[in-house]
Amino acid sequence: MTEQIVEQSATQLSDDVHAILARARRASRRMAGANRAWKDKGLRAIAEALLANQDRILAANLQDLAAGKANGTSAAMLDRLTLTKQRVQGLADALENLATLPDPVGNVVRGATLPNGLRMRQVNVPLGVVAAIYEARPNVTVDIAGLALKSGNAVVLRGGTAAAHTNEALLTILRDALDAVGLPADAVQSVDKYGREGANVLMRARGEVDVLIPRGGRELIQTVVRNASVPVIETGEGNVHIFIDSSAPEDMCVEILLNSKTQRPSVCNTVETLLVHKDATVLPAVLKALSDAGVRLHVDERVQAVLPAGVTGFPATDEDWATEYMDLDLAVKMVDSLPDAIKHIRTWSTGHTEAILTNDLANAERFIAEIDSAAVIVNASTRFTDGSELGLGAEVGISTQKLHARGPMGLGELTTTKWIVQGEGQIRA
């Protein structure tokens, strides 16, 4: 009897999730037909609603933070989970900015009149139903909803138990705002109430989900990649490197390393490994500044030998070169040359972001040419690999794969294309 009840419950859960996806499909068709003015009105309505309901959002977030602390959640995870008045304002500002950006839907990628008189054009159209699975990131709930709305899609979210109260509050606010302007509330839905099994159904809903985007740590992303039967865009895992060339000036190196490591260590564009040319003179100053900022240094033997007084280094292993710490930890290695740095990056990189600090133009150009990652940066912080910083308004995630989308994914990356061919009775010879 117990097994029968469990089986019936699992069947009902699956039916419920598929019903959500059916509503999302209907909503996506309405969203695909919405014009820019209507969609922008929805974005601004959501921004206003977030600010009007700020106290409600923060109260829900405090519940999640209290539960996280009681469960021993890491400091990095708690940082991603936390919303403040400033962060809520940032979410509202991002939506307002999205409303100022061009509508990607209907954009003509290419077009021509063929010799036989056929007029053809390739245009951007919405993907349809976009699903997202993420953890402890309530900001993602708003970012993805806003981008999906502007690009004419519907979105189905699985935000995880760590942010359950916050996401529930946000979802209600988002849906009410859409409904208030006449857009379908079902353009934003969640399967959170169905837990991990709901996520499993989402991952296997081939034909109902057009694309699934996971955001989070390596374990979450790889679980989705391994188990999903719907199309997946792999995102986020960032074992990010900075290489300090022998010509790099000290002040720039110190400032960029501090920003790249300490501004917000829990995010995927934070530097995790520092490579330093053996002839660089800036290393002591960089290490002291990082140590003074609370960074725990995991160093190889050559770096250990030149640590400045008062700076502690922990012996680095291969595990450190492979680790995305997402915390105030940094692996540091001395290399003999630019090719050695490139070799190390090729061995350990996840293909997210790599940076070079140098005053040598030839070395900068070689680094750009030979590093095969989604973003390559010269003489700037790795924190700039971000949709809002690069003018996309916001991002769904940062793709580390090569098909369809790569790097920060904004409005354009939430569209596909349609070929339109118009004739006057032509037939193929």
Protein backbone atom coordinates (compact mmCIF):
# COMPACT_ATOMS: atom_id res chain seq x y z
CA MET A 1 0.00 0.00 0.00
CA THR A 2 2.81 2.42 0.91
CA GLU A 3 4.57 1.81 -2.42
CA GLN A 4 1.32 2.46 -4.28
CA ILE A 5 0.81 5.77 -2.45
CA VAL A 6 4.39 6.86 -3.25
CA GLU A 7 3.93 5.90 -6.90
CA GLN A 8 0.67 7.83 -7.13
CA SER A 9 2.32 10.82 -5.46
CA ALA A 10 5.23 10.74 -7.92
CA THR A 11 2.78 10.50 -10.81
CA GLN A 12 0.80 13.48 -9.51
CA LEU A 13 4.00 15.49 -9.07
CA SER A 14 5.03 14.76 -12.65
CA ASP A 15 1.57 15.71 -13.90
CA ASP A 16 1.70 18.97 -11.94
CA VAL A 17 5.08 19.96 -13.38
CA HIS A 18 3.97 19.13 -16.92
CA ALA A 19 0.87 21.26 -16.34
CA ILE A 20 3.14 24.17 -15.36
CA LEU A 21 5.13 23.66 -18.57
CA ALA A 22 1.93 23.59 -20.63
CA ARG A 23 0.90 26.93 -19.12
CA ALA A 24 4.40 28.26 -19.81
CA ARG A 25 4.09 27.24 -23.46
CA ARG A 26 0.80 29.10 -23.80
CA ALA A 27 2.30 32.14 -22.08
CA SER A 28 5.37 32.01 -24.35
CA ARG A 29 3.15 32.31 -27.41
CA ARG A 30 1.56 35.45 -25.98
CA MET A 31 4.94 36.85 -25.02
CA ALA A 32 6.29 36.21 -28.54
CA GLY A 33 3.55 38.46 -29.89
CA ALA A 34 4.02 41.27 -27.38
CA ASN A 35 5.55 44.45 -28.77
CA ARG A 36 8.45 46.32 -27.19
CA ALA A 37 6.33 48.96 -25.50
CA TRP A 38 4.24 46.32 -23.76
CA LYS A 39 7.25 44.33 -22.60
CA ASP A 40 9.04 47.45 -21.38
CA LYS A 41 5.92 48.44 -19.45
CA GLY A 42 6.09 45.03 -17.75
CA LEU A 43 9.75 45.49 -16.85
CA ARG A 44 9.10 48.87 -15.30
CA ALA A 45 6.09 47.52 -13.41
CA ILE A 46 8.26 44.78 -11.90
CA ALA A 47 10.97 47.30 -10.95
CA GLU A 48 8.40 49.49 -9.18
CA ALA A 49 6.87 46.47 -7.43
CA LEU A 50 10.25 45.31 -6.14
CA LEU A 51 10.90 48.67 -4.51
CA ALA A 52 7.33 48.96 -3.19
CA ASN A 53 7.61 45.49 -1.60
CA GLN A 54 11.20 45.85 -0.43
CA ASP A 55 10.42 45.23 3.25
CA ARG A 56 8.49 42.07 2.40
CA ILE A 57 11.36 40.75 0.26
CA LEU A 58 13.99 41.46 2.91
CA ALA A 59 11.88 39.89 5.67
CA ALA A 60 11.58 36.70 3.60
CA ASN A 61 15.30 36.81 2.90
CA LEU A 62 16.08 37.03 6.63
CA GLN A 63 14.16 33.78 7.11
CA ASP A 64 16.32 32.06 4.51
CA LEU A 65 19.52 33.51 5.98
CA ALA A 66 18.58 32.35 9.49
CA ALA A 67 17.89 28.84 8.19
CA GLY A 68 21.16 28.87 6.24
CA LYS A 69 23.20 29.86 9.27
CA ALA A 70 21.47 27.22 11.39
CA ASN A 71 22.32 24.59 8.75
CA GLY A 72 25.99 25.58 8.60
CA THR A 73 25.81 27.14 5.13
CA SER A 74 29.19 28.47 3.97
CA ALA A 75 29.97 32.18 4.06
CA ALA A 76 30.22 32.25 0.26
CA MET A 77 26.77 30.71 -0.13
CA LEU A 78 25.30 33.08 2.45
CA ASP A 79 26.72 36.03 0.52
CA ARG A 80 25.03 34.86 -2.68
CA LEU A 81 21.82 34.34 -0.75
CA THR A 82 21.78 37.76 0.89
CA LEU A 83 19.59 40.60 -0.36
CA THR A 84 19.95 44.13 0.99
CA LYS A 85 18.19 47.39 0.17
CA GLN A 86 21.12 48.22 -2.08
CA ARG A 87 20.89 44.88 -3.91
CA VAL A 88 17.12 45.17 -4.37
CA GLN A 89 17.66 48.65 -5.77
CA GLY A 90 20.28 47.15 -8.09
CA LEU A 91 17.76 44.58 -9.34
CA ALA A 92 15.21 47.33 -10.01
CA ASP A 93 17.84 49.46 -11.78
CA ALA A 94 18.80 46.51 -13.99
CA LEU A 95 15.17 46.07 -15.05
CA GLU A 96 14.85 49.78 -15.82
CA ASN A 97 18.03 49.49 -17.90
CA LEU A 98 16.66 46.46 -19.75
CA ALA A 99 13.67 48.56 -20.73
CA THR A 100 16.00 51.02 -22.50
CA LEU A 101 17.72 48.33 -24.59
CA PRO A 102 16.63 47.44 -28.13
CA ASP A 103 14.18 44.56 -28.50
CA PRO A 104 16.11 41.61 -30.00
CA VAL A 105 12.94 40.02 -31.41
CA GLY A 106 12.52 40.75 -35.12
CA ASN A 107 16.12 41.86 -35.57
CA VAL A 108 17.25 40.93 -39.10
CA VAL A 109 20.46 38.93 -38.94
CA ARG A 110 20.82 38.89 -42.70
CA GLY A 111 18.67 39.27 -45.77
CA ALA A 112 18.86 39.30 -49.55
CA THR A 113 16.91 39.03 -52.79
CA LEU A 114 18.06 35.91 -54.61
CA PRO A 115 18.66 35.75 -58.39
CA ASN A 116 15.33 33.93 -58.83
CA GLY A 117 13.48 36.80 -57.12
CA LEU A 118 12.93 35.10 -53.73
CA ARG A 119 13.25 37.50 -50.83
CA MET A 120 14.84 35.85 -47.81
CA ARG A 121 15.73 37.08 -44.38
CA GLN A 122 16.89 35.50 -41.12
CA VAL A 123 15.35 37.10 -38.04
CA ASN A 124 15.67 36.69 -34.27
CA VAL A 125 12.72 35.02 -32.53
CA PRO A 126 12.22 33.95 -28.89
CA LEU A 127 13.44 30.54 -27.75
CA GLY A 128 10.05 29.78 -26.16
CA VAL A 129 10.12 28.11 -22.74
CA VAL A 130 13.35 28.74 -20.85
CA ALA A 131 14.02 26.78 -17.65
CA ALA A 132 16.62 27.64 -15.03
CA ILE A 133 17.97 25.63 -12.11
CA TYR A 134 20.08 27.52 -9.59
CA GLU A 135 20.90 27.65 -5.89
CA ALA A 136 20.86 30.35 -3.22
CA ARG A 137 20.73 33.18 -5.77
CA PRO A 138 17.47 35.12 -5.45
CA ASN A 139 18.87 37.83 -7.72
CA VAL A 140 18.81 35.26 -10.53
CA THR A 141 15.03 34.95 -10.12
CA VAL A 142 14.63 38.60 -11.11
CA ASP A 143 17.44 38.71 -13.70
CA ILE A 144 16.19 35.71 -15.66
CA ALA A 145 12.56 36.79 -15.46
CA GLY A 146 13.44 40.24 -16.78
CA LEU A 147 15.57 38.94 -19.64
CA ALA A 148 12.98 36.33 -20.57
CA LEU A 149 10.25 38.98 -20.60
CA LYS A 150 12.18 41.39 -22.80
CA SER A 151 13.17 38.63 -25.25
CA GLY A 152 9.59 37.33 -25.52
CA ASN A 153 10.02 34.05 -23.63
CA ALA A 154 8.36 32.33 -20.69
CA VAL A 155 10.53 31.04 -17.86
CA VAL A 156 10.17 28.17 -15.38
CA LEU A 157 12.43 28.41 -12.34
CA ARG A 158 13.89 26.03 -9.77
CA GLY A 159 15.64 28.24 -7.23
CA GLY A 160 16.41 25.68 -4.51
CA THR A 161 15.45 25.32 -0.87
CA ALA A 162 18.12 27.70 0.45
CA ALA A 163 16.25 30.71 -0.98
CA ALA A 164 12.73 29.27 -0.75
CA HIS A 165 11.09 32.12 1.20
CA THR A 166 12.81 34.86 -0.81
CA ASN A 167 11.98 33.28 -4.15
CA GLU A 168 8.37 32.70 -3.16
CA ALA A 169 7.99 36.39 -2.30
CA LEU A 170 9.73 37.48 -5.50
CA LEU A 171 7.66 35.15 -7.68
CA THR A 172 4.39 36.52 -6.30
CA ILE A 173 5.55 40.09 -6.86
CA LEU A 174 6.71 39.34 -10.42
CA ARG A 175 3.51 37.57 -11.40
CA ASP A 176 1.28 40.26 -9.92
CA ALA A 177 3.21 42.98 -11.78
CA LEU A 178 2.86 41.14 -15.10
CA ASP A 179 -0.83 40.60 -14.56
CA ALA A 180 -1.31 44.29 -13.71
CA VAL A 181 -0.07 45.36 -17.16
CA GLY A 182 -1.94 42.64 -19.06
CA LEU A 183 0.98 40.29 -19.67
CA PRO A 184 0.56 36.60 -18.78
CA ALA A 185 1.51 35.87 -15.17
CA ASP A 186 2.37 32.34 -16.30
CA ALA A 187 5.34 33.77 -18.19
CA VAL A 188 7.12 33.40 -14.82
CA GLN A 189 6.54 30.17 -12.86
CA SER A 190 8.41 27.97 -10.42
CA VAL A 191 8.66 24.27 -9.59
CA ASP A 192 10.27 24.92 -6.20
CA LYS A 193 7.37 23.40 -4.25
CA TYR A 194 8.12 20.05 -5.90
CA GLY A 195 11.72 19.92 -4.67
CA ARG A 196 14.45 17.90 -6.34
CA GLU A 197 12.00 15.55 -8.03
CA GLY A 198 10.34 18.55 -9.63
CA ALA A 199 13.75 19.58 -10.95
CA ASN A 200 14.26 16.07 -12.31
CA VAL A 201 10.97 16.24 -14.21
CA LEU A 202 11.99 19.65 -15.57
CA MET A 203 15.33 18.28 -16.78
CA ARG A 204 13.62 15.48 -18.69
CA ALA A 205 10.72 17.41 -20.22
CA ARG A 206 12.03 17.15 -23.75
CA GLY A 207 9.76 18.93 -26.19
CA GLU A 208 8.28 21.08 -23.42
CA VAL A 209 11.44 22.93 -22.34
CA ASP A 210 13.33 24.61 -25.17
CA VAL A 211 16.51 25.27 -23.18
CA LEU A 212 17.65 24.69 -19.60
CA ILE A 213 20.25 26.91 -17.95
CA PRO A 214 21.91 25.78 -14.70
CA ARG A 215 23.62 28.36 -12.47
CA GLY A 216 25.65 27.46 -9.43
CA GLY A 217 28.65 25.45 -8.37
CA ARG A 218 30.33 22.61 -10.23
CA GLU A 219 28.24 19.89 -8.60
CA LEU A 220 24.91 21.45 -9.57
CA ILE A 221 26.00 22.24 -13.12
CA GLN A 222 27.45 18.79 -13.78
CA THR A 223 24.37 17.10 -12.27
CA VAL A 224 22.18 18.97 -14.75
CA VAL A 225 24.53 18.29 -17.69
CA ARG A 226 24.63 14.55 -16.90
CA ASN A 227 20.94 14.03 -16.20
CA ALA A 228 19.07 16.41 -18.50
CA SER A 229 17.50 15.23 -21.72
CA VAL A 230 16.45 18.76 -22.70
CA PRO A 231 18.95 21.11 -24.38
CA VAL A 232 21.32 22.60 -21.76
CA ILE A 233 23.61 25.62 -21.85
CA GLU A 234 26.48 24.91 -19.46
CA THR A 235 27.30 27.97 -17.36
CA GLY A 236 29.09 29.48 -14.51
CA GLU A 237 31.91 27.33 -13.19
CA GLY A 238 34.78 29.77 -13.04
CA ASN A 239 38.33 28.65 -12.26
CA VAL A 240 39.56 32.11 -13.26
CA HIS A 241 43.24 33.00 -13.78
CA ILE A 242 45.27 36.19 -13.78
CA PHE A 243 48.82 36.17 -15.19
CA ILE A 244 51.19 38.96 -14.09
CA ASP A 245 53.80 39.49 -16.80
CA SER A 246 57.28 40.77 -15.97
CA SER A 247 56.45 44.24 -17.33
CA ALA A 248 53.27 44.83 -15.32
CA PRO A 249 53.35 47.90 -13.02
CA GLU A 250 52.94 47.36 -9.27
CA ASP A 251 50.09 49.77 -8.55
CA MET A 252 47.93 48.31 -11.32
CA CYS A 253 48.62 44.73 -10.24
CA VAL A 254 47.76 45.39 -6.59
CA GLU A 255 44.55 47.23 -7.43
CA ILE A 256 43.32 44.68 -9.98
CA LEU A 257 44.13 41.65 -7.80
CA LEU A 258 42.34 43.13 -4.79
CA ASN A 259 39.28 43.94 -6.89
CA SER A 260 39.27 40.58 -8.67
CA LYS A 261 39.59 38.56 -5.45
CA THR A 262 38.00 40.53 -2.62
CA GLN A 263 35.16 42.66 -4.04
CA ARG A 264 32.75 39.71 -4.03
CA PRO A 265 34.63 36.41 -3.67
CA SER A 266 31.53 34.19 -3.91
CA VAL A 267 30.81 34.85 -7.59
CA CYS A 268 32.06 33.05 -10.69
CA ASN A 269 34.16 35.90 -12.15
CA THR A 270 36.38 36.10 -9.06
CA VAL A 271 40.03 35.19 -9.66
CA GLU A 272 41.02 31.82 -8.18
CA THR A 273 44.61 31.37 -9.41
CA LEU A 274 47.37 33.95 -9.76
CA LEU A 275 50.30 33.14 -12.07
CA VAL A 276 53.37 35.39 -11.79
CA HIS A 277 56.34 35.62 -14.14
CA LYS A 278 59.60 34.80 -12.36
CA ASP A 279 61.07 38.20 -13.34
CA ALA A 280 58.10 40.23 -12.07
CA THR A 281 59.06 42.51 -9.19
CA VAL A 282 55.52 43.17 -8.00
CA LEU A 283 54.85 39.86 -6.25
CA PRO A 284 55.75 40.86 -2.64
CA ALA A 285 53.51 43.94 -2.78
CA VAL A 286 50.63 41.98 -4.33
CA LEU A 287 50.86 39.15 -1.78
CA LYS A 288 51.05 41.55 1.17
CA ALA A 289 48.02 43.52 -0.06
CA LEU A 290 46.01 40.31 -0.53
CA SER A 291 47.05 38.93 2.85
CA ASP A 292 46.19 42.22 4.57
CA ALA A 293 42.74 41.97 2.95
CA GLY A 294 42.19 38.56 4.54
CA VAL A 295 43.01 36.35 1.56
CA ARG A 296 44.41 32.89 2.38
CA LEU A 297 47.28 32.18 -0.02
CA HIS A 298 47.93 28.67 -1.35
CA VAL A 299 51.42 28.91 -2.86
CA ASP A 300 53.95 26.77 -4.69
CA GLU A 301 57.53 26.35 -3.40
CA ARG A 302 58.95 29.22 -5.46
CA VAL A 303 56.36 31.68 -4.19
CA GLN A 304 56.84 30.37 -0.63
CA ALA A 305 60.50 31.34 -0.87
CA VAL A 306 59.72 35.00 -1.60
CA LEU A 307 56.79 35.59 0.75
CA PRO A 308 57.18 38.98 2.46
CA ALA A 309 57.51 39.15 6.23
CA GLY A 310 54.26 38.54 8.06
CA VAL A 311 52.54 36.84 5.12
CA THR A 312 51.56 33.19 5.51
CA GLY A 313 51.39 30.75 2.62
CA PHE A 314 49.85 27.28 2.62
CA PRO A 315 51.48 24.65 0.37
CA ALA A 316 49.57 24.38 -2.91
CA THR A 317 48.67 21.05 -4.52
CA ASP A 318 47.01 20.07 -7.79
CA GLU A 319 43.71 20.30 -5.96
CA ASP A 320 44.32 24.04 -5.48
CA TRP A 321 44.98 24.58 -9.19
CA ALA A 322 41.66 22.85 -9.92
CA THR A 323 39.56 24.56 -7.24
CA GLU A 324 36.96 27.26 -7.69
CA TYR A 325 37.16 28.51 -4.09
CA MET A 326 34.37 31.13 -4.27
CA ASP A 327 35.84 32.41 -1.01
CA LEU A 328 38.83 34.44 0.23
CA ASP A 329 41.36 31.85 -0.97
CA LEU A 330 43.81 32.20 -3.85
CA ALA A 331 46.25 29.76 -5.44
CA VAL A 332 49.57 31.38 -6.46
CA LYS A 333 52.22 29.94 -8.78
CA MET A 334 55.45 31.29 -10.26
CA VAL A 335 56.07 30.51 -13.94
CA ASP A 336 59.13 30.94 -16.13
CA SER A 337 57.45 32.43 -19.19
CA LEU A 338 54.22 33.43 -20.92
CA PRO A 339 54.04 30.01 -22.67
CA ASP A 340 54.25 28.34 -19.26
CA ALA A 341 51.38 30.48 -18.00
CA ILE A 342 49.32 29.60 -21.06
CA LYS A 343 50.09 25.90 -20.57
CA HIS A 344 48.95 26.04 -16.92
CA ILE A 345 45.72 27.81 -17.89
CA ARG A 346 44.99 25.28 -20.64
CA THR A 347 45.46 22.48 -18.11
CA TRP A 348 43.27 23.83 -15.32
CA SER A 349 40.88 26.40 -16.77
CA THR A 350 37.12 25.90 -16.94
CA GLY A 351 36.95 28.24 -19.94
CA HIS A 352 35.33 31.15 -18.11
CA THR A 353 37.68 34.16 -17.82
CA GLU A 354 41.45 34.65 -17.96
CA ALA A 355 43.37 37.94 -17.65
CA ILE A 356 46.89 39.19 -18.33
CA LEU A 357 48.48 42.22 -16.67
CA THR A 358 51.27 43.54 -18.87
CA ASN A 359 52.84 46.54 -20.56
CA ASP A 360 54.10 44.34 -23.43
CA LEU A 361 51.73 44.62 -26.41
CA ALA A 362 53.14 41.52 -28.11
CA ASN A 363 52.55 39.42 -24.99
CA ALA A 364 49.03 40.79 -24.65
CA GLU A 365 48.24 39.90 -28.26
CA ARG A 366 49.71 36.40 -27.87
CA PHE A 367 47.67 35.82 -24.70
CA ILE A 368 44.49 36.92 -26.50
CA ALA A 369 45.22 34.67 -29.47
CA GLU A 370 46.18 31.53 -27.54
CA ILE A 371 43.77 31.52 -24.59
CA ASP A 372 40.51 29.76 -25.49
CA SER A 373 38.09 30.97 -22.83
CA ALA A 374 34.74 32.75 -23.00
CA ALA A 375 36.36 36.03 -21.90
CA VAL A 376 39.98 37.19 -22.18
CA ILE A 377 40.90 40.40 -20.36
CA VAL A 378 43.96 42.65 -20.65
CA ASN A 379 44.88 44.99 -17.79
CA ALA A 380 41.51 44.99 -16.04
CA SER A 381 39.67 43.13 -13.30
CA THR A 382 38.10 39.75 -14.02
CA ARG A 383 34.96 41.10 -12.32
CA PHE A 384 34.05 42.74 -15.64
CA THR A 385 32.90 39.41 -17.09
CA ASP A 386 29.33 40.28 -16.24
CA GLY A 387 26.30 41.04 -18.36
CA SER A 388 25.48 44.35 -16.71
CA GLU A 389 29.10 45.55 -16.84
CA LEU A 390 29.35 44.69 -20.54
CA GLY A 391 26.18 46.57 -21.44
CA LEU A 392 23.76 43.63 -21.67
CA GLY A 393 21.50 44.97 -18.92
CA ALA A 394 21.70 41.72 -16.97
CA GLU A 395 22.61 38.12 -17.67
CA VAL A 396 21.00 34.71 -17.52
CA GLY A 397 24.42 33.24 -16.83
CA ILE A 398 27.91 33.01 -18.27
CA SER A 399 28.19 30.21 -20.79
CA THR A 400 31.44 28.25 -20.78
CA GLN A 401 30.50 26.18 -23.81
CA LYS A 402 30.73 27.10 -27.48
CA LEU A 403 27.42 26.21 -29.11
CA HIS A 404 24.64 28.81 -29.37
CA ALA A 405 26.01 31.13 -26.68
CA ARG A 406 29.37 31.83 -25.06
CA GLY A 407 30.22 34.22 -22.25
CA PRO A 408 27.62 36.48 -20.57
CA MET A 409 24.18 35.67 -21.97
CA GLY A 410 21.85 38.61 -22.37
CA LEU A 411 18.82 39.33 -24.52
CA GLY A 412 20.28 38.19 -27.83
CA GLU A 413 21.31 34.84 -26.38
CA LEU A 414 17.70 34.12 -25.35
CA THR A 415 16.65 34.17 -28.99
CA THR A 416 17.08 31.80 -31.89
CA THR A 417 16.48 32.56 -35.57
CA LYS A 418 13.79 31.91 -38.12
CA TRP A 419 14.25 31.94 -41.90
CA ILE A 420 11.55 33.79 -43.79
CA VAL A 421 11.35 33.23 -47.55
CA GLN A 422 8.83 35.17 -49.67
CA GLY A 423 8.19 34.52 -53.33
CA GLU A 424 5.75 35.02 -56.19
CA GLY A 425 5.19 31.47 -57.36
CA GLN A 426 8.82 30.37 -57.82
CA ILE A 427 9.57 26.64 -57.98
CA ARG A 428 12.92 24.92 -57.65
CA ALA A 429 14.39 23.77 -60.96
